Amino acid sequence: MKLKNKRINYNGKHYNSLSQLARDYNISIPTIQTRWQKGIRNPEELIAIPNLNKKIIWEGKEYQSKKDLFRHLATPDCSASLVEQNSL
């Protein structure tokens, strides 16, 4: 997908491309490109930081992130990073 010819006005500044917007707000170009392809046109949503720490409920207990769950599942013989590798 070409990122040119996507004109956006945000915070009083005119952006001639999605790439320019991505660079100014330190968001990866593929992230903005994917959001644009999904039909997102609101600049606030285009540059929003993704919520990477989603709560997870496992066997009735709530964990703040996957990392917390992996720590819980780890044993002396199996580290949290190994649990994570095996879950992917």
Protein backbone atom coordinates (compact mmCIF):
# COMPACT_ATOMS: atom_id res chain seq x y z
CA MET A 1 0.00 0.00 0.00
CA LYS A 2 1.33 3.41 -0.87
CA LEU A 3 1.54 5.78 2.04
CA LYS A 4 1.64 8.90 -0.13
CA ASN A 5 -1.39 11.03 -0.93
CA LYS A 6 -2.94 10.50 2.50
CA ARG A 7 -3.43 14.05 3.69
CA ILE A 8 -4.10 14.46 7.41
CA ASN A 9 -4.46 17.56 9.58
CA TYR A 10 -3.68 17.03 13.24
CA ASN A 11 -2.90 19.49 16.03
CA GLY A 12 -2.70 22.35 13.56
CA LYS A 13 -0.11 20.63 11.38
CA HIS A 14 -0.68 19.34 7.86
CA TYR A 15 0.79 15.92 7.06
CA ASN A 16 1.19 14.96 3.41
CA SER A 17 1.61 11.25 4.16
CA LEU A 18 1.03 8.62 6.80
CA SER A 19 4.80 8.11 6.96
CA GLN A 20 5.30 11.71 8.00
CA LEU A 21 2.66 11.35 10.73
CA ALA A 22 4.27 8.09 11.92
CA ARG A 23 7.73 9.66 12.15
CA ASP A 24 6.49 12.72 14.06
CA TYR A 25 4.71 10.58 16.67
CA ASN A 26 7.23 7.73 16.77
CA ILE A 27 4.72 5.08 15.67
CA SER A 28 5.81 2.32 13.32
CA ILE A 29 4.78 2.86 9.72
CA PRO A 30 3.29 -0.67 9.41
CA THR A 31 1.08 0.01 12.45
CA ILE A 32 -0.36 3.17 10.91
CA GLN A 33 -0.64 1.46 7.53
CA THR A 34 -2.63 -1.43 9.05
CA ARG A 35 -4.93 0.96 10.91
CA TRP A 36 -5.52 2.95 7.70
CA GLN A 37 -6.36 -0.27 5.82
CA LYS A 38 -8.90 -1.10 8.55
CA GLY A 39 -10.65 2.19 7.81
CA ILE A 40 -9.37 4.21 10.76
CA ARG A 41 -9.15 7.85 9.69
CA ASN A 42 -9.18 9.66 13.05
CA PRO A 43 -5.60 10.89 13.72
CA GLU A 44 -5.99 10.23 17.45
CA GLU A 45 -6.72 6.56 16.73
CA LEU A 46 -4.00 6.31 14.08
CA ILE A 47 -1.27 7.35 16.53
CA ALA A 48 -2.68 5.69 19.66
CA ILE A 49 -0.23 3.53 21.57
CA PRO A 50 -1.44 -0.08 21.52
CA ASN A 51 -2.54 -1.61 24.81
CA LEU A 52 -0.02 -4.41 25.14
CA ASN A 53 -0.78 -5.29 28.75
CA LYS A 54 -4.18 -6.93 28.58
CA LYS A 55 -5.59 -8.67 31.61
CA ILE A 56 -5.89 -12.44 31.33
CA ILE A 57 -8.09 -14.76 33.35
CA TRP A 58 -6.65 -18.25 33.77
CA GLU A 59 -8.42 -20.88 35.87
CA GLY A 60 -10.47 -18.23 37.66
CA LYS A 61 -7.54 -15.99 38.58
CA GLU A 62 -6.82 -12.64 36.93
CA TYR A 63 -3.32 -11.77 35.70
CA GLN A 64 -2.24 -8.30 34.59
CA SER A 65 -0.34 -9.58 31.55
CA LYS A 66 0.87 -12.70 29.76
CA LYS A 67 4.20 -12.24 31.49
CA ASP A 68 2.54 -12.48 34.92
CA LEU A 69 0.72 -15.64 33.85
CA PHE A 70 3.95 -17.18 32.55
CA ARG A 71 5.65 -16.39 35.87
CA HIS A 72 2.80 -18.15 37.68
CA LEU A 73 3.06 -21.23 35.43
CA ALA A 74 6.84 -21.45 35.74
CA THR A 75 8.36 -24.17 37.89
CA PRO A 76 11.91 -24.68 39.22
CA ASP A 77 12.57 -26.90 36.19
CA CYS A 78 10.85 -24.62 33.65
CA SER A 79 11.46 -20.86 33.55
CA ALA A 80 8.82 -18.27 32.65
CA SER A 81 10.58 -17.57 29.34
CA LEU A 82 10.46 -21.28 28.44
CA VAL A 83 6.74 -21.39 29.30
CA GLU A 84 6.26 -18.38 27.00
CA GLN A 85 8.20 -20.00 24.15
CA ASN A 86 6.14 -23.19 24.44
CA SER A 87 2.85 -21.27 24.45
CA LEU A 88 3.48 -19.61 21.08
